[in-house]
PDB file of N, CA and C in Angstrom:
ATOM      1  N   UNK A   1     113.154 128.975  90.945  1.00  0.00           N
ATOM      2  CA  UNK A   1     114.005 127.695  90.904  1.00  0.00           C
ATOM      3  C   UNK A   1     114.649 127.829  92.514  1.00  0.00           C
ATOM      4  N   UNK A   2     114.690 128.960  93.058  1.00  0.00           N
ATOM      5  CA  UNK A   2     115.157 129.200  94.169  1.00  0.00           C
ATOM      6  C   UNK A   2     113.629 128.545  95.545  1.00  0.00           C
ATOM      7  N   UNK A   3     112.608 128.312  95.407  1.00  0.00           N
ATOM      8  CA  UNK A   3     111.338 127.824  95.795  1.00  0.00           C
ATOM      9  C   UNK A   3     111.894 126.521  96.038  1.00  0.00           C
ATOM     10  N   UNK A   4     111.664 126.265  94.895  1.00  0.00           N
ATOM     11  CA  UNK A   4     112.098 124.629  94.436  1.00  0.00           C
ATOM     12  C   UNK A   4     113.080 123.749  95.196  1.00  0.00           C
ATOM     13  N   UNK A   5     114.512 124.827  95.244  1.00  0.00           N
ATOM     14  CA  UNK A   5     115.571 124.419  96.403  1.00  0.00           C
ATOM     15  C   UNK A   5     114.843 124.548  97.909  1.00  0.00           C
ATOM     16  N   UNK A   6     114.103 125.136  98.340  1.00  0.00           N
ATOM     17  CA  UNK A   6     113.494 125.631  99.376  1.00  0.00           C
ATOM     18  C   UNK A   6     112.774 124.359 100.394  1.00  0.00           C
ATOM     19  N   UNK A   7     111.661 123.889  99.156  1.00  0.00           N
ATOM     20  CA  UNK A   7     111.044 122.481  99.391  1.00  0.00           C
ATOM     21  C   UNK A   7     111.754 122.358  99.213  1.00  0.00           C
ATOM     22  N   UNK A   8     112.669 121.459  98.362  1.00  0.00           N
ATOM     23  CA  UNK A   8     113.569 120.514  98.333  1.00  0.00           C
ATOM     24  C   UNK A   8     114.464 120.100  99.515  1.00  0.00           C
ATOM     25  N   UNK A   9     114.713 121.443 100.403  1.00  0.00           N
ATOM     26  CA  UNK A   9     115.975 121.360 101.839  1.00  0.00           C
ATOM     27  C   UNK A   9     114.469 120.717 102.627  1.00  0.00           C
ATOM     28  N   UNK A  10     113.192 121.711 102.434  1.00  0.00           N
ATOM     29  CA  UNK A  10     112.418 120.860 103.997  1.00  0.00           C
ATOM     30  C   UNK A  10     111.788 119.924 103.625  1.00  0.00           C
ATOM     31  N   UNK A  11     112.100 119.523 102.300  1.00  0.00           N
ATOM     32  CA  UNK A  11     111.600 117.692 102.442  1.00  0.00           C
ATOM     33  C   UNK A  11     112.441 117.220 103.392  1.00  0.00           C
ATOM     34  N   UNK A  12     113.923 117.439 102.742  1.00  0.00           N
ATOM     35  CA  UNK A  12     115.395 116.464 103.373  1.00  0.00           C
ATOM     36  C   UNK A  12     114.864 116.604 104.654  1.00  0.00           C
ATOM     37  N   UNK A  13     115.055 117.258 104.698  1.00  0.00           N
ATOM     38  CA  UNK A  13     114.611 118.140 106.910  1.00  0.00           C
ATOM     39  C   UNK A  13     114.173 117.457 107.407  1.00  0.00           C
ATOM     40  N   UNK A  14     112.595 117.187 106.474  1.00  0.00           N
ATOM     41  CA  UNK A  14     111.869 116.191 107.460  1.00  0.00           C
ATOM     42  C   UNK A  14     112.334 114.741 107.974  1.00  0.00           C
ATOM     43  N   UNK A  15     112.418 114.349 106.074  1.00  0.00           N
ATOM     44  CA  UNK A  15     112.981 112.770 106.281  1.00  0.00           C
ATOM     45  C   UNK A  15     114.013 112.361 106.908  1.00  0.00           C
ATOM     46  N   UNK A  16     115.292 113.514 107.188  1.00  0.00           N
ATOM     47  CA  UNK A  16     116.184 112.882 108.248  1.00  0.00           C
ATOM     48  C   UNK A  16     115.965 112.959 109.691  1.00  0.00           C
ATOM     49  N   UNK A  17     115.202 113.884 110.313  1.00  0.00           N
ATOM     50  CA  UNK A  17     114.020 114.106 111.103  1.00  0.00           C
ATOM     51  C   UNK A  17     113.645 112.773 111.690  1.00  0.00           C
ATOM     52  N   UNK A  18     112.872 112.101 110.492  1.00  0.00           N
ATOM     53  CA  UNK A  18     112.056 110.949 110.093  1.00  0.00           C
ATOM     54  C   UNK A  18     113.245 110.077 110.858  1.00  0.00           C
ATOM     55  N   UNK A  19     114.192 109.778 109.561  1.00  0.00           N
ATOM     56  CA  UNK A  19     114.785 109.089 110.139  1.00  0.00           C
ATOM     57  C   UNK A  19     115.539 109.031 111.567  1.00  0.00           C
ATOM     58  N   UNK A  20     116.270 110.707 112.073  1.00  0.00           N
ATOM     59  CA  UNK A  20     116.818 110.699 113.309  1.00  0.00           C
ATOM     60  C   UNK A  20     115.836 109.823 114.458  1.00  0.00           C
ATOM     61  N   UNK A  21     114.689 109.591 114.836  1.00  0.00           N
ATOM     62  CA  UNK A  21     113.919 109.271 114.945  1.00  0.00           C
ATOM     63  C   UNK A  21     113.738 107.565 115.352  1.00  0.00           C
ATOM     64  N   UNK A  22     113.571 107.492 113.919  1.00  0.00           N
ATOM     65  CA  UNK A  22     113.093 105.919 114.231  1.00  0.00           C
ATOM     66  C   UNK A  22     114.524 105.683 114.606  1.00  0.00           C
ATOM     67  N   UNK A  23     116.249 106.139 114.796  1.00  0.00           N
ATOM     68  CA  UNK A  23     117.157 105.881 115.167  1.00  0.00           C
ATOM     69  C   UNK A  23     117.066 106.017 116.125  1.00  0.00           C
ATOM     70  N   UNK A  24     116.453 106.605 116.818  1.00  0.00           N
ATOM     71  CA  UNK A  24     116.732 106.515 118.343  1.00  0.00           C
ATOM     72  C   UNK A  24     115.714 104.957 119.064  1.00  0.00           C
ATOM     73  N   UNK A  25     114.505 104.498 118.203  1.00  0.00           N
ATOM     74  CA  UNK A  25     114.588 102.764 118.842  1.00  0.00           C
ATOM     75  C   UNK A  25     113.352 103.146 119.700  1.00  0.00           C
ATOM     76  N   UNK A  26     112.316 104.361 119.804  1.00  0.00           N
ATOM     77  CA  UNK A  26     111.593 105.143 120.645  1.00  0.00           C
ATOM     78  C   UNK A  26     110.560 104.791 119.719  1.00  0.00           C
ATOM     79  N   UNK A  27     109.274 103.427 119.958  1.00  0.00           N
ATOM     80  CA  UNK A  27     108.446 103.518 118.539  1.00  0.00           C
ATOM     81  C   UNK A  27     107.352 104.725 118.938  1.00  0.00           C
ATOM     82  N   UNK A  28     106.758 104.846 120.111  1.00  0.00           N
ATOM     83  CA  UNK A  28     105.927 105.901 120.715  1.00  0.00           C
ATOM     84  C   UNK A  28     105.830 107.069 120.057  1.00  0.00           C
ATOM     85  N   UNK A  29     107.989 107.776 120.044  1.00  0.00           N
ATOM     86  CA  UNK A  29     107.532 109.122 119.420  1.00  0.00           C
ATOM     87  C   UNK A  29     107.693 108.462 117.757  1.00  0.00           C
ATOM     88  N   UNK A  30     108.169 108.050 117.372  1.00  0.00           N
ATOM     89  CA  UNK A  30     108.012 107.048 115.719  1.00  0.00           C
ATOM     90  C   UNK A  30     106.252 107.727 115.213  1.00  0.00           C
ATOM     91  N   UNK A  31     105.758 107.153 116.620  1.00  0.00           N
ATOM     92  CA  UNK A  31     103.958 106.818 116.195  1.00  0.00           C
ATOM     93  C   UNK A  31     103.302 108.329 115.954  1.00  0.00           C
ATOM     94  N   UNK A  32     103.783 108.553 117.152  1.00  0.00           N
ATOM     95  CA  UNK A  32     103.155 109.932 117.689  1.00  0.00           C
ATOM     96  C   UNK A  32     103.299 110.919 116.153  1.00  0.00           C
ATOM     97  N   UNK A  33     104.719 110.868 115.483  1.00  0.00           N
ATOM     98  CA  UNK A  33     105.336 111.721 114.044  1.00  0.00           C
ATOM     99  C   UNK A  33     104.463 111.347 112.955  1.00  0.00           C
ATOM    100  N   UNK A  34     104.724 109.818 112.836  1.00  0.00           N
ATOM    101  CA  UNK A  34     103.628 109.087 112.026  1.00  0.00           C
ATOM    102  C   UNK A  34     102.749 109.685 111.715  1.00  0.00           C
ATOM    103  N   UNK A  35     101.677 109.827 112.563  1.00  0.00           N
ATOM    104  CA  UNK A  35     100.352 110.428 113.028  1.00  0.00           C
ATOM    105  C   UNK A  35      99.691 111.588 112.307  1.00  0.00           C
ATOM    106  N   UNK A  36     101.579 112.630 112.937  1.00  0.00           N
ATOM    107  CA  UNK A  36     100.940 114.074 112.689  1.00  0.00           C
ATOM    108  C   UNK A  36     101.324 114.041 111.357  1.00  0.00           C
ATOM    109  N   UNK A  37     102.491 113.591 110.555  1.00  0.00           N
ATOM    110  CA  UNK A  37     102.193 113.478 109.269  1.00  0.00           C
ATOM    111  C   UNK A  37     101.069 112.923 108.304  1.00  0.00           C
ATOM    112  N   UNK A  38     100.580 112.433 108.934  1.00  0.00           N
ATOM    113  CA  UNK A  38      99.732 111.594 107.901  1.00  0.00           C
ATOM    114  C   UNK A  38      98.739 112.730 108.714  1.00  0.00           C
ATOM    115  N   UNK A  39      98.483 113.349 109.358  1.00  0.00           N
ATOM    116  CA  UNK A  39      97.440 113.762 109.864  1.00  0.00           C
ATOM    117  C   UNK A  39      97.331 115.367 108.688  1.00  0.00           C
ATOM    118  N   UNK A  40      98.403 115.884 108.666  1.00  0.00           N
ATOM    119  CA  UNK A  40      98.793 117.320 108.293  1.00  0.00           C
ATOM    120  C   UNK A  40      99.206 116.211 106.828  1.00  0.00           C
ATOM    121  N   UNK A  41      99.166 115.583 106.097  1.00  0.00           N
ATOM    122  CA  UNK A  41      99.426 115.397 104.577  1.00  0.00           C
ATOM    123  C   UNK A  41      97.987 115.060 104.488  1.00  0.00           C
ATOM    124  N   UNK A  42      97.123 114.875 104.945  1.00  0.00           N
ATOM    125  CA  UNK A  42      95.696 114.542 104.234  1.00  0.00           C
ATOM    126  C   UNK A  42      94.645 116.242 104.933  1.00  0.00           C
ATOM    127  N   UNK A  43      94.994 116.818 105.632  1.00  0.00           N
ATOM    128  CA  UNK A  43      94.461 118.371 105.702  1.00  0.00           C
ATOM    129  C   UNK A  43      95.342 119.143 104.589  1.00  0.00           C
ATOM    130  N   UNK A  44      96.127 119.000 104.357  1.00  0.00           N
ATOM    131  CA  UNK A  44      97.405 119.587 103.249  1.00  0.00           C
ATOM    132  C   UNK A  44      96.458 119.262 101.918  1.00  0.00           C
ATOM    133  N   UNK A  45      95.934 117.581 101.336  1.00  0.00           N
ATOM    134  CA  UNK A  45      95.331 117.011 100.400  1.00  0.00           C
ATOM    135  C   UNK A  45      93.999 117.821 100.185  1.00  0.00           C
ATOM    136  N   UNK A  46      93.430 117.994 101.319  1.00  0.00           N
ATOM    137  CA  UNK A  46      92.410 118.923 101.076  1.00  0.00           C
ATOM    138  C   UNK A  46      92.070 120.606 101.004  1.00  0.00           C
ATOM    139  N   UNK A  47      92.904 121.113 101.256  1.00  0.00           N
ATOM    140  CA  UNK A  47      93.563 121.861 100.558  1.00  0.00           C
ATOM    141  C   UNK A  47      93.931 122.590  99.557  1.00  0.00           C
ATOM    142  N   UNK A  48      94.734 121.263  98.465  1.00  0.00           N
ATOM    143  CA  UNK A  48      94.788 121.886  97.197  1.00  0.00           C
ATOM    144  C   UNK A  48      94.311 121.205  96.447  1.00  0.00           C
ATOM    145  N   UNK A  49      94.352 121.395  94.777  1.00  0.00           N
ATOM    146  CA  UNK A  49      93.042 121.168  93.839  1.00  0.00           C
ATOM    147  C   UNK A  49      94.125 120.036  93.092  1.00  0.00           C
ATOM    148  N   UNK A  50      93.238 119.226  92.990  1.00  0.00           N
ATOM    149  CA  UNK A  50      93.746 117.896  92.517  1.00  0.00           C
ATOM    150  C   UNK A  50      94.694 118.591  90.764  1.00  0.00           C
ATOM    151  N   UNK A  51      95.127 118.183  90.713  1.00  0.00           N
ATOM    152  CA  UNK A  51      95.437 118.788  89.126  1.00  0.00           C
ATOM    153  C   UNK A  51      95.304 117.902  87.997  1.00  0.00           C
TER     154      UNK A  51
END
């Protein structure tokens, strides 16, 4: 249960970071962050087998 709580907290922290970046109004930083997340998610999906 503690691992799930840590995973949820990390996800919430990433979401908060995205919201903060989005509210600053600098589209370039938002685009860079979204690119990083997209690449990270793609790389991560290749590492984990589908269930």
